[in-house]
């Protein structure tokens, strides 16, 4: 897949699960690494951006993890959207929400950084029933 430059979209994608979710791009930037079911460390997408730029909630949900206790993820947020879907936002500079907070689609939840990595980037994952799935399938077309 050719890297692209996503921008937060005003025409969100819909998914089915326990309830319908509206997904959006979590930040602006160029996708430099795509999802792979077989390759280690490729359980999501990596988006390169500028230090400190906003990281946005990709869909409505509740923050279930906010911290830096998982190796290789740096400052990490995990948002539970319903009984089926979670999203994860890694390598943040500053976490702006805490565990238990409710977040809305498009809400600023962190700032882009390079915690746990060498380059300013967002590592973004979507998990369905705990299993990583390709986020590109859920995000609005660019």
N, C-alpha and C. Protein backbone atom coordinates (compact mmCIF):
# COMPACT_ATOMS: atom_id res chain seq x y z
N UNK A 1 0.84 -1.17 0.00
CA UNK A 1 0.00 0.00 0.00
C UNK A 1 0.89 1.23 0.00
N UNK A 2 0.57 2.19 -0.83
CA UNK A 2 1.35 3.41 -0.93
C UNK A 2 1.04 4.31 0.26
N UNK A 3 2.08 4.87 0.91
CA UNK A 3 1.83 5.79 2.02
C UNK A 3 0.99 6.97 1.56
N UNK A 4 0.15 7.48 2.44
CA UNK A 4 -0.72 8.59 2.10
C UNK A 4 -0.68 9.62 3.21
N UNK A 5 -1.28 10.76 2.95
CA UNK A 5 -1.35 11.83 3.94
C UNK A 5 -2.79 12.01 4.37
N UNK A 6 -3.19 11.39 5.51
CA UNK A 6 -4.58 11.52 5.95
C UNK A 6 -4.83 12.87 6.61
N UNK A 7 -6.03 13.35 6.48
CA UNK A 7 -6.47 14.53 7.19
C UNK A 7 -7.75 14.14 7.92
N UNK A 8 -7.95 14.67 9.13
CA UNK A 8 -9.22 14.36 9.81
C UNK A 8 -10.38 14.67 8.87
N UNK A 9 -11.29 13.74 8.77
CA UNK A 9 -12.35 13.82 7.77
C UNK A 9 -13.66 14.27 8.37
N UNK A 10 -14.42 15.00 7.56
CA UNK A 10 -15.76 15.37 7.99
C UNK A 10 -16.79 14.38 7.46
N UNK A 11 -16.36 13.42 6.63
CA UNK A 11 -17.27 12.38 6.15
C UNK A 11 -16.81 11.04 6.72
N UNK A 12 -17.22 10.75 7.97
CA UNK A 12 -16.72 9.58 8.68
C UNK A 12 -17.23 8.26 8.12
N UNK A 13 -16.51 7.20 8.47
CA UNK A 13 -16.88 5.85 8.06
C UNK A 13 -17.74 5.21 9.14
N UNK A 14 -18.64 4.33 8.72
CA UNK A 14 -19.50 3.61 9.66
C UNK A 14 -19.04 2.17 9.77
N UNK A 15 -19.15 1.60 10.95
CA UNK A 15 -18.86 0.18 11.14
C UNK A 15 -20.02 -0.43 11.89
N UNK A 16 -20.09 -1.74 11.84
CA UNK A 16 -21.11 -2.40 12.63
C UNK A 16 -20.44 -3.14 13.77
N UNK A 17 -21.12 -3.28 14.85
CA UNK A 17 -20.64 -3.97 16.03
C UNK A 17 -21.84 -4.06 16.92
N UNK A 18 -21.65 -3.91 18.20
CA UNK A 18 -22.78 -3.87 19.11
C UNK A 18 -23.65 -2.67 18.80
N UNK A 19 -23.04 -1.63 18.27
CA UNK A 19 -23.74 -0.42 17.87
C UNK A 19 -22.94 0.19 16.73
N UNK A 20 -23.55 1.09 15.97
CA UNK A 20 -22.82 1.74 14.89
C UNK A 20 -21.83 2.73 15.45
N UNK A 21 -20.65 2.73 14.87
CA UNK A 21 -19.61 3.68 15.24
C UNK A 21 -19.28 4.54 14.04
N UNK A 22 -18.95 5.77 14.30
CA UNK A 22 -18.48 6.67 13.26
C UNK A 22 -16.99 6.89 13.53
N UNK A 23 -16.15 6.50 12.58
CA UNK A 23 -14.70 6.60 12.73
C UNK A 23 -14.16 7.80 11.97
N UNK A 24 -13.07 8.37 12.46
CA UNK A 24 -12.37 9.48 11.81
C UNK A 24 -10.87 9.23 11.93
N UNK A 25 -10.09 9.91 11.10
CA UNK A 25 -8.64 9.85 11.22
C UNK A 25 -8.24 10.49 12.54
N UNK A 26 -7.31 9.87 13.28
CA UNK A 26 -6.93 10.40 14.58
C UNK A 26 -5.95 11.57 14.53
N UNK A 27 -5.33 11.80 13.39
CA UNK A 27 -4.41 12.94 13.25
C UNK A 27 -4.11 13.15 11.77
N UNK A 28 -3.49 14.28 11.47
CA UNK A 28 -3.00 14.55 10.12
C UNK A 28 -1.59 14.01 9.99
N UNK A 29 -1.20 13.68 8.77
CA UNK A 29 0.16 13.22 8.53
C UNK A 29 0.19 12.16 7.46
N UNK A 30 1.37 11.60 7.26
CA UNK A 30 1.59 10.61 6.21
C UNK A 30 1.67 9.22 6.83
N UNK A 31 0.90 8.28 6.29
CA UNK A 31 0.97 6.89 6.74
C UNK A 31 2.28 6.30 6.21
N UNK A 32 3.15 5.89 7.14
CA UNK A 32 4.47 5.38 6.75
C UNK A 32 4.61 3.88 7.02
N UNK A 33 3.66 3.31 7.73
CA UNK A 33 3.68 1.88 8.00
C UNK A 33 2.24 1.40 8.06
N UNK A 34 1.96 0.33 7.31
CA UNK A 34 0.60 -0.18 7.24
C UNK A 34 0.46 -1.46 8.06
N UNK A 35 -0.77 -1.87 8.26
CA UNK A 35 -1.13 -3.05 9.04
C UNK A 35 -0.66 -4.33 8.36
N UNK A 36 -0.23 -5.30 9.17
CA UNK A 36 0.09 -6.64 8.67
C UNK A 36 -0.30 -7.65 9.74
N UNK A 37 -1.05 -8.67 9.36
CA UNK A 37 -1.42 -9.71 10.32
C UNK A 37 -0.22 -10.56 10.71
N UNK A 38 0.77 -10.67 9.82
CA UNK A 38 1.89 -11.58 10.08
C UNK A 38 3.16 -10.90 10.57
N UNK A 39 3.40 -9.66 10.20
CA UNK A 39 4.66 -9.00 10.58
C UNK A 39 4.60 -8.48 12.02
N UNK A 40 5.67 -8.74 12.75
CA UNK A 40 5.75 -8.26 14.14
C UNK A 40 5.77 -6.73 14.16
N UNK A 41 5.08 -6.15 15.12
CA UNK A 41 5.07 -4.70 15.27
C UNK A 41 4.22 -3.96 14.27
N UNK A 42 3.40 -4.67 13.50
CA UNK A 42 2.58 -4.03 12.46
C UNK A 42 1.10 -4.28 12.73
N UNK A 43 0.69 -4.12 13.98
CA UNK A 43 -0.70 -4.38 14.37
C UNK A 43 -1.60 -3.17 14.20
N UNK A 44 -1.07 -2.14 13.54
CA UNK A 44 -1.83 -0.93 13.28
C UNK A 44 -1.14 -0.16 12.16
N UNK A 45 -1.35 1.16 12.15
CA UNK A 45 -0.69 2.02 11.17
C UNK A 45 0.13 3.06 11.91
N UNK A 46 1.18 3.54 11.27
CA UNK A 46 1.98 4.62 11.82
C UNK A 46 1.81 5.85 10.94
N UNK A 47 1.53 6.98 11.58
CA UNK A 47 1.32 8.24 10.88
C UNK A 47 2.36 9.23 11.40
N UNK A 48 3.21 9.71 10.49
CA UNK A 48 4.23 10.70 10.87
C UNK A 48 3.58 12.08 10.85
N UNK A 49 3.92 12.88 11.86
CA UNK A 49 3.39 14.23 11.94
C UNK A 49 4.38 15.15 12.61
N UNK A 50 3.88 16.32 13.00
CA UNK A 50 4.71 17.33 13.66
C UNK A 50 4.60 17.19 15.17
N UNK A 51 5.71 17.41 15.88
CA UNK A 51 5.67 17.31 17.34
C UNK A 51 4.58 18.22 17.92
N UNK A 52 3.79 17.66 18.83
CA UNK A 52 2.76 18.44 19.51
C UNK A 52 1.45 18.59 18.78
N UNK A 53 1.34 18.11 17.54
CA UNK A 53 0.07 18.26 16.83
C UNK A 53 -1.00 17.43 17.51
N UNK A 54 -2.28 17.80 17.36
CA UNK A 54 -3.36 17.12 18.07
C UNK A 54 -3.55 15.67 17.64
N UNK A 55 -3.81 14.82 18.63
CA UNK A 55 -4.29 13.46 18.42
C UNK A 55 -5.75 13.49 18.85
N UNK A 56 -6.64 13.01 17.98
CA UNK A 56 -8.08 13.09 18.21
C UNK A 56 -8.67 11.70 18.42
N UNK A 57 -9.71 11.62 19.24
CA UNK A 57 -10.44 10.36 19.41
C UNK A 57 -11.02 9.98 18.05
N UNK A 58 -10.78 8.75 17.63
CA UNK A 58 -11.25 8.28 16.32
C UNK A 58 -12.73 7.95 16.32
N UNK A 59 -13.32 7.78 17.50
CA UNK A 59 -14.75 7.51 17.66
C UNK A 59 -15.11 7.76 19.13
N UNK A 60 -16.40 7.90 19.40
CA UNK A 60 -16.86 8.07 20.78
C UNK A 60 -16.45 6.87 21.62
N UNK A 61 -16.17 7.10 22.90
CA UNK A 61 -15.85 5.97 23.77
C UNK A 61 -15.43 6.40 25.16
N UNK A 62 -14.84 5.46 25.88
CA UNK A 62 -14.38 5.68 27.25
C UNK A 62 -12.91 5.25 27.35
N UNK A 63 -12.09 6.10 27.96
CA UNK A 63 -10.67 5.80 28.12
C UNK A 63 -10.53 4.68 29.16
N UNK A 64 -9.92 3.57 28.73
CA UNK A 64 -9.72 2.43 29.65
C UNK A 64 -8.26 2.26 30.03
N UNK A 65 -7.35 2.97 29.34
CA UNK A 65 -5.94 2.95 29.73
C UNK A 65 -5.31 4.28 29.33
N UNK A 66 -4.53 4.85 30.23
CA UNK A 66 -3.78 6.08 29.98
C UNK A 66 -2.48 5.97 30.75
N UNK A 67 -1.37 5.72 30.06
CA UNK A 67 -0.11 5.57 30.77
C UNK A 67 1.02 5.13 29.86
N UNK A 68 2.12 4.69 30.49
CA UNK A 68 3.29 4.27 29.71
C UNK A 68 3.85 2.94 30.21
N UNK A 69 2.98 2.06 30.68
CA UNK A 69 3.40 0.79 31.25
C UNK A 69 3.57 -0.36 30.28
N UNK A 70 3.24 -0.16 29.00
CA UNK A 70 3.38 -1.24 28.02
C UNK A 70 4.62 -0.99 27.17
N UNK A 71 5.58 -1.92 27.16
CA UNK A 71 6.82 -1.72 26.40
C UNK A 71 6.57 -1.42 24.93
N UNK A 72 7.37 -0.53 24.37
CA UNK A 72 7.39 -0.15 22.95
C UNK A 72 6.21 0.71 22.51
N UNK A 73 5.28 1.04 23.41
CA UNK A 73 4.16 1.89 23.03
C UNK A 73 4.32 3.33 23.53
N UNK A 74 5.29 3.57 24.42
CA UNK A 74 5.46 4.91 24.97
C UNK A 74 4.21 5.35 25.72
N UNK A 75 3.89 6.64 25.65
CA UNK A 75 2.67 7.15 26.28
C UNK A 75 1.47 6.70 25.44
N UNK A 76 0.65 5.87 26.03
CA UNK A 76 -0.41 5.15 25.31
C UNK A 76 -1.78 5.46 25.88
N UNK A 77 -2.75 5.63 24.98
CA UNK A 77 -4.16 5.72 25.35
C UNK A 77 -4.89 4.57 24.68
N UNK A 78 -5.82 3.95 25.42
CA UNK A 78 -6.72 2.95 24.84
C UNK A 78 -8.14 3.40 25.13
N UNK A 79 -8.96 3.46 24.08
CA UNK A 79 -10.36 3.88 24.20
C UNK A 79 -11.25 2.69 23.85
N UNK A 80 -12.18 2.38 24.74
CA UNK A 80 -13.19 1.33 24.48
C UNK A 80 -14.41 2.02 23.89
N UNK A 81 -14.80 1.59 22.70
CA UNK A 81 -15.91 2.23 21.99
C UNK A 81 -17.24 1.53 22.24
N UNK A 82 -17.19 0.23 22.40
CA UNK A 82 -18.37 -0.57 22.74
C UNK A 82 -17.86 -1.94 23.16
N UNK A 83 -18.71 -2.93 23.22
CA UNK A 83 -18.27 -4.26 23.66
C UNK A 83 -17.41 -4.98 22.63
N UNK A 84 -17.29 -4.42 21.43
CA UNK A 84 -16.55 -5.06 20.34
C UNK A 84 -15.24 -4.34 20.03
N UNK A 85 -15.26 -3.01 19.96
CA UNK A 85 -14.12 -2.25 19.44
C UNK A 85 -13.37 -1.44 20.49
N UNK A 86 -12.02 -1.48 20.36
CA UNK A 86 -11.09 -0.62 21.09
C UNK A 86 -10.23 0.09 20.06
N UNK A 87 -9.71 1.27 20.41
CA UNK A 87 -8.66 1.90 19.61
C UNK A 87 -7.51 2.26 20.53
N UNK A 88 -6.29 2.20 19.98
CA UNK A 88 -5.09 2.49 20.75
C UNK A 88 -4.28 3.56 20.03
N UNK A 89 -3.71 4.48 20.81
CA UNK A 89 -2.96 5.63 20.31
C UNK A 89 -1.62 5.64 21.05
N UNK A 90 -0.52 5.34 20.35
CA UNK A 90 0.78 5.18 21.01
C UNK A 90 1.79 6.23 20.57
N UNK A 91 2.84 6.38 21.38
CA UNK A 91 3.98 7.28 21.16
C UNK A 91 3.63 8.75 21.36
N UNK A 92 2.58 9.02 22.13
CA UNK A 92 2.17 10.40 22.37
C UNK A 92 3.20 11.15 23.22
N UNK A 93 3.19 12.47 23.07
CA UNK A 93 4.00 13.32 23.94
C UNK A 93 3.24 13.56 25.24
N UNK A 94 2.06 14.16 25.14
CA UNK A 94 1.26 14.49 26.31
C UNK A 94 -0.09 13.79 26.21
N UNK A 95 -0.52 13.14 27.29
CA UNK A 95 -1.84 12.53 27.36
C UNK A 95 -2.78 13.54 28.00
N UNK A 96 -3.87 13.88 27.33
CA UNK A 96 -4.78 14.93 27.79
C UNK A 96 -6.02 14.38 28.48
N UNK A 97 -6.20 13.07 28.48
CA UNK A 97 -7.34 12.43 29.14
C UNK A 97 -6.82 11.33 30.05
N UNK A 98 -7.67 10.90 30.98
CA UNK A 98 -7.26 9.86 31.94
C UNK A 98 -8.26 8.72 31.92
N UNK A 99 -7.87 7.61 32.55
CA UNK A 99 -8.76 6.46 32.62
C UNK A 99 -10.09 6.87 33.22
N UNK A 100 -11.17 6.39 32.61
CA UNK A 100 -12.52 6.69 33.07
C UNK A 100 -13.17 7.85 32.35
N UNK A 101 -12.38 8.68 31.65
CA UNK A 101 -12.95 9.82 30.91
C UNK A 101 -13.74 9.32 29.71
N UNK A 102 -14.86 9.97 29.44
CA UNK A 102 -15.63 9.75 28.22
C UNK A 102 -15.11 10.71 27.17
N UNK A 103 -14.89 10.21 25.95
CA UNK A 103 -14.39 11.05 24.86
C UNK A 103 -15.36 10.99 23.69
N UNK A 104 -15.39 12.08 22.94
CA UNK A 104 -16.24 12.20 21.77
C UNK A 104 -15.39 12.13 20.50
N UNK A 105 -15.98 11.65 19.44
CA UNK A 105 -15.33 11.61 18.13
C UNK A 105 -14.76 12.99 17.82
N UNK A 106 -13.46 13.05 17.53
CA UNK A 106 -12.82 14.32 17.19
C UNK A 106 -12.28 15.11 18.36
N UNK A 107 -12.51 14.64 19.58
CA UNK A 107 -12.00 15.35 20.77
C UNK A 107 -10.49 15.19 20.84
N UNK A 108 -9.80 16.27 21.20
CA UNK A 108 -8.35 16.22 21.38
C UNK A 108 -8.04 15.41 22.64
N UNK A 109 -7.26 14.32 22.48
CA UNK A 109 -6.98 13.42 23.60
C UNK A 109 -5.50 13.35 23.95
N UNK A 110 -4.63 13.80 23.04
CA UNK A 110 -3.18 13.72 23.27
C UNK A 110 -2.49 14.65 22.28
N UNK A 111 -1.16 14.76 22.44
CA UNK A 111 -0.35 15.45 21.45
C UNK A 111 0.68 14.47 20.90
N UNK A 112 0.96 14.62 19.62
CA UNK A 112 1.86 13.71 18.93
C UNK A 112 3.27 13.84 19.48
N UNK A 113 3.93 12.72 19.63
CA UNK A 113 5.30 12.72 20.14
C UNK A 113 6.09 11.55 19.61
N UNK A 114 7.14 11.20 20.37
CA UNK A 114 7.97 10.06 19.98
C UNK A 114 8.34 9.21 21.18
N UNK A 115 7.49 9.19 22.19
CA UNK A 115 7.77 8.35 23.36
C UNK A 115 7.76 6.88 22.92
N UNK A 116 8.80 6.16 23.28
CA UNK A 116 8.89 4.74 22.93
C UNK A 116 9.35 4.49 21.51
N UNK A 117 9.76 5.54 20.78
CA UNK A 117 10.22 5.39 19.40
C UNK A 117 11.20 6.51 19.08
N UNK A 118 11.77 6.49 17.88
CA UNK A 118 12.79 7.48 17.49
C UNK A 118 12.24 8.63 16.66
N UNK A 119 11.02 8.51 16.16
CA UNK A 119 10.45 9.48 15.23
C UNK A 119 9.11 9.96 15.76
N UNK A 120 8.81 11.25 15.55
CA UNK A 120 7.49 11.76 15.92
C UNK A 120 6.44 11.08 15.05
N UNK A 121 5.59 10.29 15.70
CA UNK A 121 4.58 9.56 14.95
C UNK A 121 3.48 9.08 15.90
N UNK A 122 2.35 8.78 15.31
CA UNK A 122 1.27 8.11 16.03
C UNK A 122 1.20 6.68 15.53
N UNK A 123 1.23 5.73 16.45
CA UNK A 123 0.91 4.34 16.12
C UNK A 123 -0.54 4.16 16.52
N UNK A 124 -1.40 3.81 15.56
CA UNK A 124 -2.84 3.73 15.78
C UNK A 124 -3.33 2.33 15.47
N UNK A 125 -4.05 1.74 16.42
CA UNK A 125 -4.62 0.40 16.25
C UNK A 125 -6.12 0.43 16.49
N UNK A 126 -6.82 -0.44 15.79
CA UNK A 126 -8.22 -0.76 16.10
C UNK A 126 -8.25 -2.26 16.38
N UNK A 127 -8.91 -2.63 17.46
CA UNK A 127 -9.06 -4.04 17.81
C UNK A 127 -10.54 -4.40 17.87
N UNK A 128 -10.85 -5.54 17.25
CA UNK A 128 -12.21 -6.07 17.25
C UNK A 128 -12.19 -7.35 18.08
N UNK A 129 -12.95 -7.35 19.17
CA UNK A 129 -12.95 -8.49 20.10
C UNK A 129 -11.52 -8.84 20.52
N UNK A 130 -10.69 -7.83 20.73
CA UNK A 130 -9.33 -8.01 21.20
C UNK A 130 -8.30 -8.30 20.13
N UNK A 131 -8.74 -8.55 18.90
CA UNK A 131 -7.82 -8.90 17.82
C UNK A 131 -7.56 -7.68 16.93
N UNK A 132 -6.26 -7.39 16.65
CA UNK A 132 -5.97 -6.25 15.77
C UNK A 132 -6.58 -6.44 14.39
N UNK A 133 -7.14 -5.35 13.86
CA UNK A 133 -7.69 -5.33 12.51
C UNK A 133 -7.10 -4.12 11.79
N UNK A 134 -7.16 -4.12 10.48
CA UNK A 134 -6.57 -3.04 9.68
C UNK A 134 -7.38 -1.75 9.85
N UNK A 135 -6.80 -0.72 10.47
CA UNK A 135 -7.54 0.53 10.68
C UNK A 135 -7.99 1.19 9.38
N UNK A 136 -7.24 1.01 8.31
CA UNK A 136 -7.59 1.64 7.03
C UNK A 136 -8.98 1.20 6.57
N UNK A 137 -9.38 -0.01 6.91
CA UNK A 137 -10.71 -0.51 6.53
C UNK A 137 -11.84 0.26 7.22
N UNK A 138 -11.53 0.91 8.34
CA UNK A 138 -12.54 1.57 9.14
C UNK A 138 -12.55 3.09 8.96
N UNK A 139 -11.44 3.64 8.52
CA UNK A 139 -11.30 5.09 8.43
C UNK A 139 -11.87 5.60 7.11
N UNK A 140 -12.34 6.86 7.09
CA UNK A 140 -12.88 7.42 5.85
C UNK A 140 -11.83 7.42 4.74
N UNK A 141 -12.28 7.25 3.51
CA UNK A 141 -11.37 7.28 2.37
C UNK A 141 -10.78 8.68 2.25
N UNK A 142 -9.53 8.73 1.82
CA UNK A 142 -8.83 10.01 1.66
C UNK A 142 -8.85 10.46 0.22
